[in-house]
């Protein structure tokens, strides 16, 4: 649902910022 989509985007942002992808 919407919450899952927001969580997914948040994880992508954190992954990109931290460089731990």
Protein backbone atom coordinates (compact mmCIF):
# COMPACT_ATOMS: atom_id res chain seq x y z
CA UNK A 1 0.00 0.00 0.00
CA UNK A 2 0.92 3.65 0.36
CA UNK A 3 2.96 3.12 3.54
CA UNK A 4 5.01 0.40 1.86
CA UNK A 5 5.70 2.68 -1.11
CA UNK A 6 6.87 5.50 1.18
CA UNK A 7 9.05 3.06 3.12
CA UNK A 8 10.56 1.76 -0.12
CA UNK A 9 11.40 5.28 -1.31
CA UNK A 10 12.88 6.12 2.10
CA UNK A 11 15.12 3.06 1.95
CA UNK A 12 16.33 4.00 -1.54
CA UNK A 13 17.15 7.54 -0.36
CA UNK A 14 19.01 6.29 2.72
CA UNK A 15 20.86 3.73 0.58
CA UNK A 16 21.97 6.43 -1.86
CA UNK A 17 23.01 8.92 0.82
CA UNK A 18 24.94 6.38 2.88
CA UNK A 19 26.50 4.72 -0.16
CA UNK A 20 25.73 1.25 1.24
CA UNK A 21 23.81 0.07 -1.83
